[in-house]
Amino acid sequence: MQPRLWLLVAAQLAALRGSSVLLQTPASTTAQTNQTVTLSCEAKTSPTNSRIYWLRQRLAPSANSHFEFLAFWDLTRGTVYGEEVGQERLTVLRDSSRYTLSLQSVKPSDSGVYFCMTVGNPDLTFGKGTQLSVVDVLPTTPQPTKKTTPKKKVLRFPNLVTRKGPSCAPLIVGPLVAVVLVLLVFLGVAIHLHCLQRRARLRLLKQFYK
């Protein structure tokens, strides 16, 4: 059996439980078409000369999900690519214990879960995977709607302004005094006339009874 074919069969039979030995970042990412995506895998305890394999799982993880071998990095040969892998869009680099996978000009067909993996004796060690979603248009985060607080209506009463000017009391008191004086005069005249009439009547009666 060819080594690459054995690798795919072994990967399909392995349990997909992420290990702390291989630390993958980010856990998930969304990219727009034609952008460049960089995935990282850091080997915590693996030997520095160990091979780091990059696999892609297009379907959701299950017993029947298929792993696609992309590339691995070798100490002597550098990057070794899988069959039917576009080398012009995929690059694997190593920096000490960190291995990066760069995908250029990504397409929606590149979406899937990407795993880095090391082959032990006899176990396979997987990273926890990176979920990559490639879309034509990046979703925008809706801005939270601000609740408008109704303004409280303030009742404003008109200012009562006291106008400065001459007091109206003399204008009212004066006519009242005049009216009272006139009434008193008329009353005095009436009393005087009544007295005169009474005197005249008494005189007339005295003359009549003489």
Protein backbone atom coordinates (compact mmCIF):
# COMPACT_ATOMS: atom_id res chain seq x y z
CA MET A 1 0.00 0.00 0.00
CA GLN A 2 1.33 3.44 -0.92
CA PRO A 3 2.25 5.68 2.02
CA ARG A 4 -0.23 8.38 1.04
CA LEU A 5 -3.08 5.91 0.62
CA TRP A 6 -2.21 4.37 3.99
CA LEU A 7 -2.28 7.84 5.53
CA LEU A 8 -5.82 8.50 4.27
CA VAL A 9 -7.09 5.12 5.47
CA ALA A 10 -5.45 5.57 8.87
CA ALA A 11 -6.90 9.05 9.23
CA GLN A 12 -10.42 7.81 8.49
CA LEU A 13 -10.12 5.09 11.14
CA ALA A 14 -8.63 7.41 13.80
CA ALA A 15 -10.79 8.90 16.52
CA LEU A 16 -11.19 12.64 15.99
CA ARG A 17 -10.42 13.82 19.48
CA GLY A 18 -8.27 16.92 19.59
CA SER A 19 -5.03 16.63 21.48
CA SER A 20 -3.24 19.28 23.51
CA VAL A 21 0.00 18.12 21.83
CA LEU A 22 -0.99 19.95 18.62
CA LEU A 23 -2.43 23.39 19.21
CA GLN A 24 -4.39 24.73 16.22
CA THR A 25 -5.40 28.35 15.80
CA PRO A 26 -7.85 29.76 15.05
CA ALA A 27 -10.67 27.42 16.01
CA SER A 28 -12.84 28.80 13.21
CA THR A 29 -12.61 31.53 10.62
CA THR A 30 -14.68 33.00 7.80
CA ALA A 31 -13.03 34.39 4.69
CA GLN A 32 -14.22 36.11 1.56
CA THR A 33 -13.57 34.70 -1.89
CA ASN A 34 -10.04 35.44 -3.24
CA GLN A 35 -8.64 36.26 0.18
CA THR A 36 -5.61 34.55 1.78
CA VAL A 37 -6.14 32.35 4.85
CA THR A 38 -3.37 31.26 7.22
CA LEU A 39 -3.85 28.36 9.66
CA SER A 40 -1.40 27.59 12.45
CA CYS A 41 -0.40 24.35 14.19
CA GLU A 42 2.04 24.37 17.09
CA ALA A 43 3.69 21.09 18.18
CA LYS A 44 3.97 21.26 21.97
CA THR A 45 5.75 18.00 22.79
CA SER A 46 6.45 16.37 19.42
CA PRO A 47 10.08 15.93 18.30
CA THR A 48 11.39 18.70 16.10
CA ASN A 49 12.01 16.29 13.23
CA SER A 50 8.44 14.86 13.25
CA ARG A 51 6.27 15.23 10.18
CA ILE A 52 3.25 17.46 10.40
CA TYR A 53 0.48 16.47 8.00
CA TRP A 54 -2.32 18.77 6.91
CA LEU A 55 -5.68 17.18 6.11
CA ARG A 56 -9.03 18.62 5.04
CA GLN A 57 -12.43 17.22 5.88
CA ARG A 58 -15.10 18.66 3.61
CA LEU A 59 -18.09 17.08 5.36
CA ALA A 60 -19.13 17.31 8.98
CA PRO A 61 -17.10 14.89 11.15
CA SER A 62 -18.68 11.43 11.10
CA ALA A 63 -17.74 7.77 10.65
CA ASN A 64 -18.12 8.14 6.87
CA SER A 65 -16.48 11.54 6.49
CA HIS A 66 -13.63 11.73 4.02
CA PHE A 67 -10.17 13.14 4.72
CA GLU A 68 -8.22 14.77 1.92
CA PHE A 69 -4.44 14.79 2.23
CA LEU A 70 -3.10 18.25 1.38
CA ALA A 71 0.59 18.38 2.28
CA PHE A 72 3.16 17.64 4.96
CA TRP A 73 6.41 19.21 5.94
CA ASP A 74 9.55 17.06 5.99
CA LEU A 75 12.90 18.00 7.53
CA THR A 76 14.88 16.92 4.45
CA ARG A 77 12.44 17.36 1.57
CA GLY A 78 10.53 20.40 2.75
CA THR A 79 6.90 20.56 1.64
CA VAL A 80 5.42 17.43 0.04
CA TYR A 81 2.03 17.92 -1.61
CA GLY A 82 -0.82 15.49 -2.04
CA GLU A 83 -2.20 14.45 -5.39
CA GLU A 84 -4.41 16.94 -7.21
CA VAL A 85 -3.45 19.72 -4.83
CA GLY A 86 -2.86 23.10 -6.41
CA GLN A 87 0.64 23.94 -5.22
CA GLU A 88 0.34 27.49 -6.53
CA ARG A 89 -2.37 28.26 -3.94
CA LEU A 90 -1.11 26.22 -0.97
CA THR A 91 2.04 26.81 1.07
CA VAL A 92 3.33 25.00 4.18
CA LEU A 93 6.01 26.70 6.28
CA ARG A 94 7.78 25.87 9.52
CA ASP A 95 9.07 28.23 12.18
CA SER A 96 10.61 26.29 15.08
CA SER A 97 7.73 24.23 16.50
CA ARG A 98 5.03 26.18 14.63
CA TYR A 99 3.74 25.01 11.25
CA THR A 100 1.51 27.21 9.07
CA LEU A 101 -0.72 26.38 6.15
CA SER A 102 -1.48 29.30 3.81
CA LEU A 103 -4.28 29.17 1.25
CA GLN A 104 -4.28 31.88 -1.41
CA SER A 105 -7.27 33.01 -3.48
CA VAL A 106 -9.65 30.83 -1.50
CA LYS A 107 -12.92 29.64 -3.04
CA PRO A 108 -16.17 28.33 -1.49
CA SER A 109 -15.00 24.83 -2.40
CA ASP A 110 -12.10 25.27 0.05
CA SER A 111 -14.55 25.31 2.96
CA GLY A 112 -14.17 22.50 5.46
CA VAL A 113 -12.40 21.46 8.65
CA TYR A 114 -8.59 21.52 8.46
CA PHE A 115 -6.56 19.25 10.75
CA CYS A 116 -2.87 19.03 11.44
CA MET A 117 -1.67 15.56 12.43
CA THR A 118 1.42 13.62 13.46
CA VAL A 119 1.93 9.88 12.97
CA GLY A 120 3.17 7.98 16.04
CA ASN A 121 3.70 4.28 16.76
CA PRO A 122 0.91 3.27 16.53
CA ASP A 123 -1.29 6.25 17.41
CA LEU A 124 -2.26 9.22 15.29
CA THR A 125 -2.34 12.62 17.01
CA PHE A 126 -4.73 15.25 15.68
CA GLY A 127 -5.15 18.90 16.39
CA LYS A 128 -8.62 20.08 17.33
CA GLY A 129 -9.23 21.37 13.82
CA THR A 130 -10.01 24.73 12.24
CA GLN A 131 -13.41 25.34 10.66
CA LEU A 132 -13.00 27.40 7.48
CA SER A 133 -16.01 28.94 5.75
CA VAL A 134 -15.47 30.74 2.44
CA VAL A 135 -18.28 33.04 1.31
CA ASP A 136 -18.71 35.51 -1.51
CA VAL A 137 -19.78 38.30 0.83
CA LEU A 138 -18.77 38.52 4.47
CA PRO A 139 -21.72 38.81 6.84
CA THR A 140 -22.08 42.11 8.56
CA THR A 141 -22.78 42.42 12.24
CA PRO A 142 -26.09 44.18 12.76
CA GLN A 143 -25.83 47.26 14.87
CA PRO A 144 -27.91 47.16 17.97
CA THR A 145 -30.95 49.36 17.73
CA LYS A 146 -30.97 52.15 20.24
CA LYS A 147 -34.12 52.51 22.23
CA THR A 148 -35.34 56.06 22.11
CA THR A 149 -36.48 57.28 25.48
CA PRO A 150 -39.53 59.53 25.12
CA LYS A 151 -38.83 62.99 26.36
CA LYS A 152 -40.81 64.07 29.36
CA LYS A 153 -43.08 66.99 28.66
CA VAL A 154 -42.47 69.87 31.02
CA LEU A 155 -45.44 72.11 31.67
CA ARG A 156 -44.32 75.68 31.79
CA PHE A 157 -46.65 78.23 33.30
CA PRO A 158 -46.50 81.78 31.98
CA ASN A 159 -44.67 84.18 34.19
CA LEU A 160 -46.99 86.60 35.89
CA VAL A 161 -45.33 89.94 35.41
CA THR A 162 -46.47 92.77 37.63
CA ARG A 163 -46.68 95.88 35.56
CA LYS A 164 -45.36 98.95 37.18
CA GLY A 165 -47.57 102.03 36.95
CA PRO A 166 -49.86 104.28 38.85
CA SER A 167 -52.25 102.60 41.21
CA CYS A 168 -55.85 102.40 40.10
CA ALA A 169 -57.18 102.94 43.66
CA PRO A 170 -57.52 106.75 43.36
CA LEU A 171 -59.40 106.33 40.06
CA ILE A 172 -61.97 104.19 41.81
CA VAL A 173 -62.13 105.93 45.19
CA GLY A 174 -62.54 109.43 43.73
CA PRO A 175 -65.82 108.76 41.88
CA LEU A 176 -67.16 106.83 44.85
CA VAL A 177 -66.51 109.76 47.18
CA ALA A 178 -68.17 112.13 44.71
CA VAL A 179 -71.22 109.90 44.45
CA VAL A 180 -71.48 109.69 48.23
CA LEU A 181 -71.22 113.45 48.57
CA VAL A 182 -73.93 113.96 45.94
CA LEU A 183 -76.19 111.51 47.74
CA LEU A 184 -75.60 113.27 51.03
CA VAL A 185 -76.45 116.62 49.45
CA PHE A 186 -79.64 115.24 47.94
CA LEU A 187 -80.48 113.62 51.27
CA GLY A 188 -79.91 116.91 53.12
CA VAL A 189 -82.04 118.79 50.61
CA ALA A 190 -84.78 116.20 50.90
CA ILE A 191 -84.76 116.38 54.70
CA HIS A 192 -84.80 120.17 54.60
CA LEU A 193 -87.74 120.22 52.20
CA HIS A 194 -89.57 117.69 54.32
CA CYS A 195 -89.07 119.86 57.36
CA LEU A 196 -90.32 122.95 55.51
CA GLN A 197 -93.42 121.11 54.31
CA ARG A 198 -94.15 119.91 57.83
CA ARG A 199 -93.78 123.37 59.26
CA ALA A 200 -96.04 124.80 56.60
CA ARG A 201 -98.68 122.16 57.32
CA LEU A 202 -98.57 122.85 61.04
CA ARG A 203 -99.02 126.54 60.41
CA LEU A 204 -101.95 125.84 58.14
CA LEU A 205 -103.64 123.67 60.76
CA LYS A 206 -103.16 126.29 63.47
CA GLN A 207 -104.82 128.93 61.30
CA PHE A 208 -107.70 126.59 60.47
CA TYR A 209 -108.53 125.81 64.10
CA LYS A 210 -108.40 129.39 65.39
